[in-house]
Amino acid sequence: MKSLPTILLTGFEPFDGQPTNPSWDAVLALHGKRIAGHHVVARRLPVTFGASLKLLGAALREVSPVLVVCVGLATGRACLSLERIAINVDDARIPDSDGNQPVDEPIVADGPAAYFATLPIKSMLAGLREAGFPVEISQTAGTYVCNHVFYGLMHALRKRRKVRAGFIHVPYSPEQASIANAPGLPVETVADALRLALRIAIATTDDQRMAAGAEH
């Protein structure tokens, strides 16, 4: 029997003393599921520069996916953020889990300044909004480990044109949000939104053209 094409999802381990990370919890809920004729494989990444990309690279080789979505936590954001662009710089305000704190360092020496996501983010935005999920297109994935992974992902896939990929930021869980006095979304809601986003990505050949930019 022919095996199903594979979707690779990644989330991050708990960080900064938190017992959980909603990016991983939501991704894990989809592990082993079948979405639009595709098999979902989830992998957990450390919140560390360098090591995160080594594990991501190993997962790409192991799984040989046709679609990749990396998911991370964005504290303070109130909705899912479909990231448009990854930039070639690490500039860490705080150390990662291993104590690394690169400042103004390229992720890939002599790499391009930026990569754009190859996901149909406008169609994903429209479909998620229609279904009632809080969602936006974000113009920056920051300069911490999330952007590091996003850029490294797109660089690794730069010659594999048929593999579409990108990054989605998610808010705190309600439990974390209540402690931090910040916005949050239930992990189950995030998992449902990711499921729909994947369905749209699989079904969409040509992305919609619609305004979803930012003034600042």
N, C-alpha and C. Protein backbone atom coordinates (compact mmCIF):
# COMPACT_ATOMS: atom_id res chain seq x y z
N MET A 1 0.84 -1.19 0.00
CA MET A 1 0.00 0.00 0.00
C MET A 1 0.88 1.24 0.00
N LYS A 2 0.55 2.20 -0.85
CA LYS A 2 1.32 3.43 -0.94
C LYS A 2 1.12 4.27 0.31
N SER A 3 2.21 4.79 0.87
CA SER A 3 2.12 5.59 2.09
C SER A 3 1.57 6.97 1.78
N LEU A 4 0.96 7.58 2.78
CA LEU A 4 0.39 8.90 2.61
C LEU A 4 1.48 9.96 2.60
N PRO A 5 1.27 11.06 1.86
CA PRO A 5 2.21 12.19 1.99
C PRO A 5 2.15 12.74 3.41
N THR A 6 3.25 13.35 3.84
CA THR A 6 3.39 13.71 5.24
C THR A 6 3.45 15.22 5.45
N ILE A 7 2.80 15.66 6.52
CA ILE A 7 2.91 17.03 7.02
C ILE A 7 3.79 16.98 8.26
N LEU A 8 4.80 17.83 8.32
CA LEU A 8 5.62 17.94 9.52
C LEU A 8 5.21 19.19 10.30
N LEU A 9 4.83 18.98 11.55
CA LEU A 9 4.53 20.08 12.46
C LEU A 9 5.57 20.08 13.57
N THR A 10 6.03 21.26 13.97
CA THR A 10 6.92 21.34 15.12
C THR A 10 6.38 22.36 16.11
N GLY A 11 6.63 22.09 17.39
CA GLY A 11 6.35 23.03 18.46
C GLY A 11 7.57 23.08 19.37
N PHE A 12 7.52 23.93 20.37
CA PHE A 12 8.67 24.11 21.26
C PHE A 12 8.42 23.52 22.64
N GLU A 13 9.50 23.10 23.26
CA GLU A 13 9.46 22.61 24.63
C GLU A 13 9.11 23.76 25.58
N PRO A 14 8.71 23.44 26.83
CA PRO A 14 8.47 24.50 27.82
C PRO A 14 9.73 25.35 28.02
N PHE A 15 9.52 26.62 28.34
CA PHE A 15 10.63 27.57 28.42
C PHE A 15 10.39 28.55 29.56
N ASP A 16 11.48 29.03 30.12
CA ASP A 16 11.43 30.10 31.12
C ASP A 16 10.61 29.71 32.34
N GLY A 17 10.77 28.47 32.78
CA GLY A 17 10.10 28.02 33.98
C GLY A 17 8.65 27.62 33.82
N GLN A 18 8.11 27.71 32.60
CA GLN A 18 6.73 27.33 32.37
C GLN A 18 6.61 25.81 32.33
N PRO A 19 5.54 25.23 32.88
CA PRO A 19 5.39 23.78 32.87
C PRO A 19 5.01 23.22 31.50
N THR A 20 4.42 24.06 30.65
CA THR A 20 3.99 23.61 29.33
C THR A 20 4.29 24.70 28.31
N ASN A 21 4.15 24.34 27.05
CA ASN A 21 4.26 25.31 25.96
C ASN A 21 3.10 25.03 25.01
N PRO A 22 2.17 25.98 24.86
CA PRO A 22 0.98 25.72 24.04
C PRO A 22 1.31 25.42 22.58
N SER A 23 2.46 25.88 22.10
CA SER A 23 2.82 25.56 20.72
C SER A 23 3.00 24.05 20.56
N TRP A 24 3.64 23.41 21.52
CA TRP A 24 3.83 21.96 21.46
C TRP A 24 2.53 21.23 21.80
N ASP A 25 1.80 21.70 22.78
CA ASP A 25 0.56 21.03 23.17
C ASP A 25 -0.42 20.97 22.00
N ALA A 26 -0.53 22.06 21.26
CA ALA A 26 -1.46 22.10 20.12
C ALA A 26 -0.97 21.21 18.98
N VAL A 27 0.31 21.23 18.71
CA VAL A 27 0.89 20.40 17.66
C VAL A 27 0.76 18.92 18.01
N LEU A 28 1.03 18.59 19.27
CA LEU A 28 0.96 17.20 19.70
C LEU A 28 -0.45 16.64 19.53
N ALA A 29 -1.46 17.49 19.69
CA ALA A 29 -2.85 17.04 19.53
C ALA A 29 -3.14 16.57 18.11
N LEU A 30 -2.32 16.99 17.16
CA LEU A 30 -2.53 16.61 15.75
C LEU A 30 -1.60 15.49 15.31
N HIS A 31 -0.68 15.10 16.16
CA HIS A 31 0.29 14.05 15.81
C HIS A 31 -0.44 12.73 15.51
N GLY A 32 -0.10 12.14 14.38
CA GLY A 32 -0.70 10.87 13.99
C GLY A 32 -2.04 10.99 13.31
N LYS A 33 -2.58 12.21 13.22
CA LYS A 33 -3.88 12.41 12.58
C LYS A 33 -3.73 12.39 11.06
N ARG A 34 -4.86 12.20 10.40
CA ARG A 34 -4.91 12.30 8.94
C ARG A 34 -5.70 13.54 8.58
N ILE A 35 -5.08 14.41 7.81
CA ILE A 35 -5.72 15.66 7.39
C ILE A 35 -5.66 15.76 5.87
N ALA A 36 -6.82 15.77 5.25
CA ALA A 36 -6.93 15.89 3.80
C ALA A 36 -6.00 14.91 3.07
N GLY A 37 -6.01 13.66 3.53
CA GLY A 37 -5.22 12.64 2.87
C GLY A 37 -3.74 12.70 3.17
N HIS A 38 -3.33 13.45 4.18
CA HIS A 38 -1.94 13.58 4.58
C HIS A 38 -1.78 13.10 6.02
N HIS A 39 -0.65 12.50 6.30
CA HIS A 39 -0.33 12.02 7.64
C HIS A 39 0.46 13.09 8.38
N VAL A 40 0.07 13.38 9.63
CA VAL A 40 0.72 14.43 10.40
C VAL A 40 1.74 13.82 11.35
N VAL A 41 2.94 14.36 11.31
CA VAL A 41 4.01 13.97 12.22
C VAL A 41 4.43 15.21 13.01
N ALA A 42 4.48 15.11 14.33
CA ALA A 42 4.86 16.23 15.18
C ALA A 42 6.22 15.98 15.81
N ARG A 43 7.02 17.04 15.91
CA ARG A 43 8.32 16.96 16.56
C ARG A 43 8.48 18.17 17.48
N ARG A 44 9.11 17.94 18.65
CA ARG A 44 9.32 19.02 19.61
C ARG A 44 10.74 19.53 19.52
N LEU A 45 10.88 20.84 19.46
CA LEU A 45 12.18 21.48 19.35
C LEU A 45 12.56 22.17 20.66
N PRO A 46 13.86 22.22 20.95
CA PRO A 46 14.30 22.97 22.13
C PRO A 46 14.32 24.47 21.85
N VAL A 47 14.18 25.26 22.90
CA VAL A 47 14.25 26.72 22.75
C VAL A 47 15.72 27.12 22.85
N THR A 48 16.47 26.69 21.85
CA THR A 48 17.91 26.96 21.81
C THR A 48 18.34 27.27 20.40
N PHE A 49 19.23 28.23 20.27
CA PHE A 49 19.82 28.53 18.98
C PHE A 49 20.72 27.36 18.58
N GLY A 50 20.75 27.04 17.32
CA GLY A 50 21.63 25.98 16.84
C GLY A 50 21.03 24.61 17.01
N ALA A 51 20.82 24.17 18.24
CA ALA A 51 20.29 22.83 18.49
C ALA A 51 18.91 22.66 17.88
N SER A 52 18.10 23.72 17.90
CA SER A 52 16.76 23.63 17.32
C SER A 52 16.83 23.31 15.83
N LEU A 53 17.78 23.91 15.13
CA LEU A 53 17.89 23.66 13.69
C LEU A 53 18.47 22.28 13.40
N LYS A 54 19.32 21.78 14.27
CA LYS A 54 19.83 20.42 14.08
C LYS A 54 18.70 19.40 14.16
N LEU A 55 17.84 19.55 15.16
CA LEU A 55 16.71 18.64 15.30
C LEU A 55 15.70 18.82 14.17
N LEU A 56 15.49 20.06 13.75
CA LEU A 56 14.59 20.30 12.63
C LEU A 56 15.13 19.65 11.36
N GLY A 57 16.43 19.81 11.11
CA GLY A 57 17.04 19.20 9.93
C GLY A 57 16.91 17.69 9.95
N ALA A 58 17.10 17.08 11.12
CA ALA A 58 16.95 15.64 11.25
C ALA A 58 15.52 15.21 10.95
N ALA A 59 14.55 16.00 11.42
CA ALA A 59 13.14 15.68 11.17
C ALA A 59 12.81 15.80 9.68
N LEU A 60 13.35 16.80 9.02
CA LEU A 60 13.10 16.95 7.58
C LEU A 60 13.64 15.76 6.81
N ARG A 61 14.81 15.28 7.19
CA ARG A 61 15.39 14.12 6.50
C ARG A 61 14.60 12.85 6.80
N GLU A 62 14.16 12.70 8.03
CA GLU A 62 13.44 11.50 8.43
C GLU A 62 12.06 11.42 7.80
N VAL A 63 11.35 12.53 7.78
CA VAL A 63 9.94 12.54 7.41
C VAL A 63 9.72 12.78 5.91
N SER A 64 10.60 13.55 5.28
CA SER A 64 10.45 13.94 3.87
C SER A 64 9.05 14.51 3.61
N PRO A 65 8.69 15.59 4.30
CA PRO A 65 7.32 16.12 4.21
C PRO A 65 7.08 16.86 2.91
N VAL A 66 5.79 17.03 2.61
CA VAL A 66 5.39 17.88 1.49
C VAL A 66 4.94 19.25 1.99
N LEU A 67 4.70 19.35 3.30
CA LEU A 67 4.27 20.59 3.92
C LEU A 67 4.86 20.65 5.32
N VAL A 68 5.40 21.82 5.70
CA VAL A 68 6.00 21.98 7.03
C VAL A 68 5.47 23.26 7.66
N VAL A 69 4.99 23.14 8.88
CA VAL A 69 4.58 24.32 9.64
C VAL A 69 5.22 24.23 11.02
N CYS A 70 6.06 25.21 11.32
CA CYS A 70 6.64 25.32 12.66
C CYS A 70 5.77 26.28 13.47
N VAL A 71 5.57 25.94 14.72
CA VAL A 71 4.66 26.70 15.58
C VAL A 71 5.42 27.13 16.83
N GLY A 72 5.21 28.38 17.23
CA GLY A 72 5.88 28.90 18.42
C GLY A 72 4.95 29.78 19.24
N LEU A 73 5.35 30.03 20.46
CA LEU A 73 4.59 30.89 21.37
C LEU A 73 5.01 32.34 21.23
N ALA A 74 4.02 33.23 21.10
CA ALA A 74 4.27 34.66 21.10
C ALA A 74 3.52 35.27 22.28
N THR A 75 4.23 35.51 23.36
CA THR A 75 3.59 36.05 24.56
C THR A 75 3.05 37.44 24.27
N GLY A 76 1.85 37.69 24.73
CA GLY A 76 1.24 39.01 24.56
C GLY A 76 0.35 39.12 23.34
N ARG A 77 0.48 38.21 22.38
CA ARG A 77 -0.40 38.27 21.22
C ARG A 77 -1.74 37.63 21.55
N ALA A 78 -2.80 38.16 20.94
CA ALA A 78 -4.14 37.71 21.28
C ALA A 78 -4.71 36.71 20.27
N CYS A 79 -4.01 36.49 19.17
CA CYS A 79 -4.55 35.62 18.13
C CYS A 79 -3.43 34.84 17.46
N LEU A 80 -3.81 33.93 16.59
CA LEU A 80 -2.81 33.23 15.80
C LEU A 80 -2.18 34.21 14.82
N SER A 81 -0.88 34.12 14.65
CA SER A 81 -0.16 35.00 13.74
C SER A 81 0.50 34.17 12.65
N LEU A 82 0.03 34.35 11.43
CA LEU A 82 0.62 33.69 10.27
C LEU A 82 1.81 34.54 9.84
N GLU A 83 3.00 34.02 10.04
CA GLU A 83 4.20 34.83 9.78
C GLU A 83 4.51 34.90 8.29
N ARG A 84 4.81 36.13 7.84
CA ARG A 84 5.11 36.35 6.42
C ARG A 84 6.58 36.17 6.09
N ILE A 85 7.48 36.61 7.00
CA ILE A 85 8.88 36.73 6.61
C ILE A 85 9.82 36.36 7.77
N ALA A 86 10.90 35.69 7.43
CA ALA A 86 11.96 35.37 8.39
C ALA A 86 13.22 36.13 7.98
N ILE A 87 13.91 36.73 8.95
CA ILE A 87 15.10 37.53 8.63
C ILE A 87 16.36 36.85 9.17
N ASN A 88 17.46 37.14 8.51
CA ASN A 88 18.73 36.45 8.79
C ASN A 88 19.50 37.13 9.91
N VAL A 89 18.92 37.13 11.10
CA VAL A 89 19.64 37.71 12.24
C VAL A 89 19.13 37.10 13.55
N ASP A 90 20.06 36.79 14.42
CA ASP A 90 19.77 36.44 15.80
C ASP A 90 20.14 37.63 16.67
N ASP A 91 19.18 38.11 17.45
CA ASP A 91 19.43 39.23 18.36
C ASP A 91 18.59 38.98 19.61
N ALA A 92 19.17 38.23 20.55
CA ALA A 92 18.42 37.70 21.68
C ALA A 92 18.38 38.69 22.84
N ARG A 93 17.19 39.10 23.22
CA ARG A 93 17.02 39.97 24.39
C ARG A 93 17.30 39.21 25.67
N ILE A 94 16.99 37.92 25.66
CA ILE A 94 17.23 37.05 26.82
C ILE A 94 17.94 35.79 26.35
N PRO A 95 18.65 35.09 27.23
CA PRO A 95 19.33 33.85 26.84
C PRO A 95 18.32 32.75 26.50
N ASP A 96 18.76 31.80 25.66
CA ASP A 96 17.93 30.64 25.39
C ASP A 96 18.07 29.62 26.52
N SER A 97 17.50 28.44 26.35
CA SER A 97 17.51 27.44 27.42
C SER A 97 18.90 26.95 27.78
N ASP A 98 19.86 27.12 26.87
CA ASP A 98 21.24 26.71 27.14
C ASP A 98 22.13 27.87 27.56
N GLY A 99 21.53 29.04 27.74
CA GLY A 99 22.30 30.21 28.14
C GLY A 99 22.93 30.97 27.00
N ASN A 100 22.64 30.59 25.75
CA ASN A 100 23.18 31.31 24.60
C ASN A 100 22.41 32.62 24.39
N GLN A 101 23.14 33.68 24.05
CA GLN A 101 22.49 34.96 23.80
C GLN A 101 23.21 35.69 22.66
N PRO A 102 23.02 35.20 21.43
CA PRO A 102 23.66 35.87 20.29
C PRO A 102 23.07 37.26 20.05
N VAL A 103 23.93 38.17 19.66
CA VAL A 103 23.50 39.54 19.37
C VAL A 103 24.02 39.94 17.99
N ASP A 104 23.10 40.33 17.13
CA ASP A 104 23.44 40.80 15.79
C ASP A 104 24.30 39.79 15.02
N GLU A 105 23.94 38.53 15.12
CA GLU A 105 24.65 37.48 14.41
C GLU A 105 23.77 36.89 13.31
N PRO A 106 24.35 36.61 12.14
CA PRO A 106 23.55 35.98 11.08
C PRO A 106 23.21 34.54 11.45
N ILE A 107 22.06 34.10 11.02
CA ILE A 107 21.68 32.70 11.21
C ILE A 107 22.46 31.83 10.24
N VAL A 108 22.57 32.30 9.01
CA VAL A 108 23.35 31.62 7.98
C VAL A 108 24.33 32.64 7.40
N ALA A 109 25.61 32.40 7.60
CA ALA A 109 26.62 33.31 7.06
C ALA A 109 26.47 33.39 5.54
N ASP A 110 26.45 34.62 5.03
CA ASP A 110 26.29 34.87 3.59
C ASP A 110 24.94 34.41 3.05
N GLY A 111 23.99 34.12 3.94
CA GLY A 111 22.65 33.78 3.48
C GLY A 111 21.89 35.03 3.07
N PRO A 112 20.78 34.87 2.36
CA PRO A 112 19.98 36.05 1.98
C PRO A 112 19.44 36.76 3.20
N ALA A 113 19.11 38.02 3.04
CA ALA A 113 18.62 38.82 4.16
C ALA A 113 17.33 38.27 4.74
N ALA A 114 16.51 37.65 3.90
CA ALA A 114 15.21 37.17 4.38
C ALA A 114 14.65 36.09 3.46
N TYR A 115 13.72 35.34 4.00
CA TYR A 115 12.92 34.40 3.23
C TYR A 115 11.45 34.66 3.53
N PHE A 116 10.61 34.53 2.51
CA PHE A 116 9.17 34.60 2.70
C PHE A 116 8.61 33.21 2.88
N ALA A 117 7.57 33.10 3.71
CA ALA A 117 6.85 31.83 3.83
C ALA A 117 6.30 31.44 2.46
N THR A 118 6.23 30.16 2.21
CA THR A 118 5.65 29.67 0.96
C THR A 118 4.26 29.08 1.18
N LEU A 119 3.71 29.28 2.35
CA LEU A 119 2.33 28.90 2.62
C LEU A 119 1.38 29.93 1.99
N PRO A 120 0.16 29.51 1.66
CA PRO A 120 -0.84 30.46 1.14
C PRO A 120 -1.46 31.24 2.30
N ILE A 121 -0.71 32.17 2.86
CA ILE A 121 -1.12 32.80 4.12
C ILE A 121 -2.38 33.66 3.99
N LYS A 122 -2.61 34.24 2.81
CA LYS A 122 -3.83 35.05 2.65
C LYS A 122 -5.07 34.15 2.62
N SER A 123 -4.98 33.03 1.92
CA SER A 123 -6.11 32.10 1.90
C SER A 123 -6.33 31.49 3.27
N MET A 124 -5.25 31.22 3.99
CA MET A 124 -5.37 30.70 5.34
C MET A 124 -6.04 31.73 6.25
N LEU A 125 -5.63 32.98 6.11
CA LEU A 125 -6.23 34.06 6.88
C LEU A 125 -7.73 34.15 6.64
N ALA A 126 -8.12 34.15 5.36
CA ALA A 126 -9.53 34.27 5.02
C ALA A 126 -10.35 33.10 5.55
N GLY A 127 -9.82 31.89 5.38
CA GLY A 127 -10.56 30.71 5.81
C GLY A 127 -10.68 30.62 7.32
N LEU A 128 -9.63 30.97 8.03
CA LEU A 128 -9.68 30.93 9.49
C LEU A 128 -10.62 32.00 10.04
N ARG A 129 -10.58 33.18 9.44
CA ARG A 129 -11.51 34.23 9.88
C ARG A 129 -12.95 33.83 9.63
N GLU A 130 -13.21 33.25 8.49
CA GLU A 130 -14.58 32.82 8.16
C GLU A 130 -15.09 31.79 9.16
N ALA A 131 -14.17 30.96 9.65
CA ALA A 131 -14.54 29.93 10.63
C ALA A 131 -14.60 30.46 12.06
N GLY A 132 -14.27 31.75 12.24
CA GLY A 132 -14.41 32.37 13.55
C GLY A 132 -13.17 32.35 14.43
N PHE A 133 -12.03 31.96 13.87
CA PHE A 133 -10.80 31.93 14.66
C PHE A 133 -10.14 33.31 14.65
N PRO A 134 -9.60 33.75 15.78
CA PRO A 134 -8.86 35.01 15.81
C PRO A 134 -7.49 34.82 15.15
N VAL A 135 -7.22 35.57 14.10
CA VAL A 135 -6.01 35.34 13.33
C VAL A 135 -5.58 36.62 12.63
N GLU A 136 -4.29 36.75 12.38
CA GLU A 136 -3.73 37.90 11.68
C GLU A 136 -2.53 37.43 10.86
N ILE A 137 -2.10 38.27 9.94
CA ILE A 137 -0.82 38.07 9.29
C ILE A 137 0.19 38.97 9.99
N SER A 138 1.29 38.39 10.40
CA SER A 138 2.33 39.12 11.11
C SER A 138 3.49 39.40 10.17
N GLN A 139 4.04 40.60 10.29
CA GLN A 139 5.16 41.00 9.44
C GLN A 139 6.51 40.76 10.09
N THR A 140 6.53 40.25 11.31
CA THR A 140 7.80 39.96 11.98
C THR A 140 7.66 38.78 12.91
N ALA A 141 8.59 37.85 12.81
CA ALA A 141 8.64 36.70 13.72
C ALA A 141 9.65 36.95 14.84
N GLY A 142 10.07 38.21 15.00
CA GLY A 142 11.04 38.55 16.04
C GLY A 142 12.46 38.24 15.61
N THR A 143 13.36 38.20 16.59
CA THR A 143 14.78 37.88 16.33
C THR A 143 15.28 36.85 17.33
N TYR A 144 14.34 36.08 17.89
CA TYR A 144 14.70 35.07 18.89
C TYR A 144 14.66 33.68 18.23
N VAL A 145 14.43 32.65 19.01
CA VAL A 145 14.54 31.28 18.49
C VAL A 145 13.46 30.97 17.46
N CYS A 146 12.27 31.56 17.58
CA CYS A 146 11.22 31.32 16.59
C CYS A 146 11.66 31.76 15.20
N ASN A 147 12.17 32.97 15.10
CA ASN A 147 12.66 33.45 13.82
C ASN A 147 13.85 32.63 13.35
N HIS A 148 14.71 32.23 14.29
CA HIS A 148 15.87 31.38 13.98
C HIS A 148 15.41 30.09 13.29
N VAL A 149 14.38 29.46 13.85
CA VAL A 149 13.86 28.22 13.27
C VAL A 149 13.17 28.48 11.93
N PHE A 150 12.39 29.55 11.86
CA PHE A 150 11.68 29.91 10.63
C PHE A 150 12.68 30.14 9.49
N TYR A 151 13.70 30.94 9.76
CA TYR A 151 14.69 31.21 8.72
C TYR A 151 15.44 29.92 8.34
N GLY A 152 15.86 29.16 9.36
CA GLY A 152 16.58 27.93 9.09
C GLY A 152 15.75 26.94 8.29
N LEU A 153 14.45 26.88 8.57
CA LEU A 153 13.55 26.02 7.82
C LEU A 153 13.52 26.41 6.35
N MET A 154 13.30 27.68 6.09
CA MET A 154 13.18 28.13 4.70
C MET A 154 14.51 27.99 3.96
N HIS A 155 15.61 28.18 4.68
CA HIS A 155 16.92 28.00 4.05
C HIS A 155 17.14 26.53 3.69
N ALA A 156 16.74 25.64 4.58
CA ALA A 156 16.92 24.21 4.33
C ALA A 156 16.08 23.75 3.14
N LEU A 157 14.95 24.41 2.91
CA LEU A 157 14.05 24.00 1.83
C LEU A 157 14.19 24.85 0.57
N ARG A 158 15.21 25.69 0.51
CA ARG A 158 15.32 26.66 -0.58
C ARG A 158 15.39 26.01 -1.96
N LYS A 159 15.88 24.79 -2.04
CA LYS A 159 15.99 24.10 -3.34
C LYS A 159 14.91 23.06 -3.54
N ARG A 160 14.05 22.92 -2.53
CA ARG A 160 12.95 21.95 -2.62
C ARG A 160 11.65 22.71 -2.85
N ARG A 161 11.47 23.14 -4.10
CA ARG A 161 10.38 24.05 -4.45
C ARG A 161 9.00 23.45 -4.20
N LYS A 162 8.88 22.15 -4.20
CA LYS A 162 7.57 21.53 -4.04
C LYS A 162 7.14 21.41 -2.58
N VAL A 163 8.06 21.69 -1.66
CA VAL A 163 7.73 21.61 -0.24
C VAL A 163 7.39 23.01 0.26
N ARG A 164 6.15 23.22 0.64
CA ARG A 164 5.74 24.52 1.14
C ARG A 164 5.89 24.56 2.66
N ALA A 165 6.22 25.74 3.16
CA ALA A 165 6.55 25.81 4.59
C ALA A 165 6.33 27.22 5.13
N GLY A 166 6.24 27.29 6.46
CA GLY A 166 6.10 28.58 7.11
C GLY A 166 6.03 28.43 8.62
N PHE A 167 5.65 29.51 9.27
CA PHE A 167 5.67 29.57 10.73
C PHE A 167 4.39 30.25 11.23
N ILE A 168 3.84 29.72 12.33
CA ILE A 168 2.66 30.30 12.95
C ILE A 168 2.95 30.51 14.44
N HIS A 169 2.71 31.73 14.91
CA HIS A 169 2.80 32.02 16.33
C HIS A 169 1.43 31.86 16.97
N VAL A 170 1.41 31.38 18.21
CA VAL A 170 0.16 31.20 18.94
C VAL A 170 0.26 31.90 20.29
N PRO A 171 -0.89 32.27 20.89
CA PRO A 171 -0.88 32.96 22.19
C PRO A 171 -0.66 31.99 23.35
N TYR A 172 -0.55 32.58 24.53
CA TYR A 172 -0.55 31.82 25.78
C TYR A 172 -1.79 30.91 25.85
N SER A 173 -1.69 29.85 26.63
CA SER A 173 -2.88 29.13 27.06
C SER A 173 -3.60 29.97 28.10
N PRO A 174 -4.88 29.70 28.37
CA PRO A 174 -5.61 30.49 29.38
C PRO A 174 -4.95 30.46 30.76
N GLU A 175 -4.37 29.31 31.11
CA GLU A 175 -3.72 29.19 32.41
C GLU A 175 -2.51 30.13 32.50
N GLN A 176 -1.71 30.15 31.46
CA GLN A 176 -0.56 31.05 31.43
C GLN A 176 -1.02 32.50 31.37
N ALA A 177 -2.05 32.75 30.59
CA ALA A 177 -2.54 34.11 30.40
C ALA A 177 -3.03 34.72 31.70
N SER A 178 -3.69 33.91 32.53
CA SER A 178 -4.21 34.42 33.80
C SER A 178 -3.09 34.83 34.74
N ILE A 179 -1.98 34.12 34.69
CA ILE A 179 -0.83 34.45 35.54
C ILE A 179 -0.10 35.69 35.01
N ALA A 180 0.03 35.76 33.69
CA ALA A 180 0.79 36.86 33.07
C ALA A 180 -0.07 38.09 32.81
N ASN A 181 -1.39 37.98 33.07
CA ASN A 181 -2.32 39.08 32.77
C ASN A 181 -2.19 39.49 31.31
N ALA A 182 -2.28 38.46 30.44
CA ALA A 182 -2.11 38.66 29.00
C ALA A 182 -3.19 37.89 28.26
N PRO A 183 -3.35 38.14 26.95
CA PRO A 183 -4.34 37.38 26.18
C PRO A 183 -3.96 35.91 26.09
N GLY A 184 -4.97 35.08 25.85
CA GLY A 184 -4.73 33.65 25.70
C GLY A 184 -5.81 32.99 24.87
N LEU A 185 -5.51 31.76 24.42
CA LEU A 185 -6.47 30.95 23.68
C LEU A 185 -6.38 29.52 24.18
N PRO A 186 -7.50 28.82 24.29
CA PRO A 186 -7.44 27.41 24.67
C PRO A 186 -6.60 26.61 23.67
N VAL A 187 -5.84 25.67 24.17
CA VAL A 187 -5.01 24.84 23.30
C VAL A 187 -5.87 24.10 22.28
N GLU A 188 -7.07 23.67 22.70
CA GLU A 188 -7.96 22.96 21.79
C GLU A 188 -8.38 23.85 20.62
N THR A 189 -8.59 25.13 20.90
CA THR A 189 -8.93 26.08 19.83
C THR A 189 -7.76 26.25 18.88
N VAL A 190 -6.57 26.36 19.42
CA VAL A 190 -5.38 26.49 18.58
C VAL A 190 -5.21 25.25 17.71
N ALA A 191 -5.39 24.07 18.28
CA ALA A 191 -5.26 22.83 17.51
C ALA A 191 -6.29 22.77 16.39
N ASP A 192 -7.53 23.18 16.68
CA ASP A 192 -8.57 23.20 15.64
C ASP A 192 -8.21 24.19 14.53
N ALA A 193 -7.67 25.35 14.91
CA ALA A 193 -7.27 26.34 13.91
C ALA A 193 -6.13 25.82 13.05
N LEU A 194 -5.17 25.16 13.67
CA LEU A 194 -4.06 24.58 12.90
C LEU A 194 -4.56 23.52 11.93
N ARG A 195 -5.51 22.70 12.38
CA ARG A 195 -6.07 21.67 11.50
C ARG A 195 -6.69 22.30 10.25
N LEU A 196 -7.47 23.36 10.46
CA LEU A 196 -8.10 24.03 9.32
C LEU A 196 -7.04 24.70 8.45
N ALA A 197 -6.06 25.33 9.07
CA ALA A 197 -5.00 26.00 8.30
C ALA A 197 -4.27 25.00 7.40
N LEU A 198 -4.04 23.81 7.90
CA LEU A 198 -3.38 22.79 7.10
C LEU A 198 -4.26 22.34 5.94
N ARG A 199 -5.55 22.18 6.20
CA ARG A 199 -6.47 21.80 5.13
C ARG A 199 -6.45 22.84 4.00
N ILE A 200 -6.46 24.10 4.40
CA ILE A 200 -6.45 25.18 3.40
C ILE A 200 -5.14 25.17 2.63
N ALA A 201 -4.03 25.00 3.34
CA ALA A 201 -2.73 24.98 2.67
C ALA A 201 -2.63 23.85 1.66
N ILE A 202 -3.16 22.70 2.01
CA ILE A 202 -3.12 21.56 1.10
C ILE A 202 -3.99 21.80 -0.13
N ALA A 203 -5.15 22.42 0.08
CA ALA A 203 -6.12 22.59 -1.00
C ALA A 203 -5.82 23.78 -1.91
N THR A 204 -4.97 24.70 -1.46
CA THR A 204 -4.75 25.95 -2.19
C THR A 204 -3.51 25.90 -3.06
N THR A 205 -3.72 26.10 -4.34
CA THR A 205 -2.60 26.17 -5.28
C THR A 205 -2.11 27.59 -5.45
N ASP A 206 -3.03 28.50 -5.70
CA ASP A 206 -2.71 29.91 -5.87
C ASP A 206 -3.33 30.71 -4.73
N ASP A 207 -2.50 31.47 -4.01
CA ASP A 207 -2.97 32.21 -2.87
C ASP A 207 -3.88 33.36 -3.29
N GLN A 208 -4.79 33.74 -2.39
CA GLN A 208 -5.64 34.89 -2.64
C GLN A 208 -4.81 36.17 -2.64
N ARG A 209 -5.35 37.18 -3.29
CA ARG A 209 -4.77 38.52 -3.22
C ARG A 209 -5.74 39.39 -2.44
N MET A 210 -5.34 39.75 -1.21
CA MET A 210 -6.19 40.56 -0.35
C MET A 210 -5.30 41.37 0.57
N ALA A 211 -5.81 42.53 0.98
CA ALA A 211 -5.04 43.39 1.86
C ALA A 211 -4.97 42.81 3.26
N ALA A 212 -3.75 42.65 3.78
CA ALA A 212 -3.58 42.17 5.15
C ALA A 212 -2.25 42.68 5.70
N GLY A 213 -1.89 43.89 5.30
CA GLY A 213 -0.63 44.47 5.72
C GLY A 213 -0.75 45.22 7.03
N ALA A 214 0.28 45.98 7.33
CA ALA A 214 0.33 46.72 8.59
C ALA A 214 0.94 48.10 8.35
N GLU A 215 0.50 49.09 9.15
CA GLU A 215 1.03 50.43 9.03
C GLU A 215 2.28 50.63 9.88
N HIS A 216 2.52 49.72 10.82
CA HIS A 216 3.70 49.85 11.68
C HIS A 216 4.07 48.49 12.24
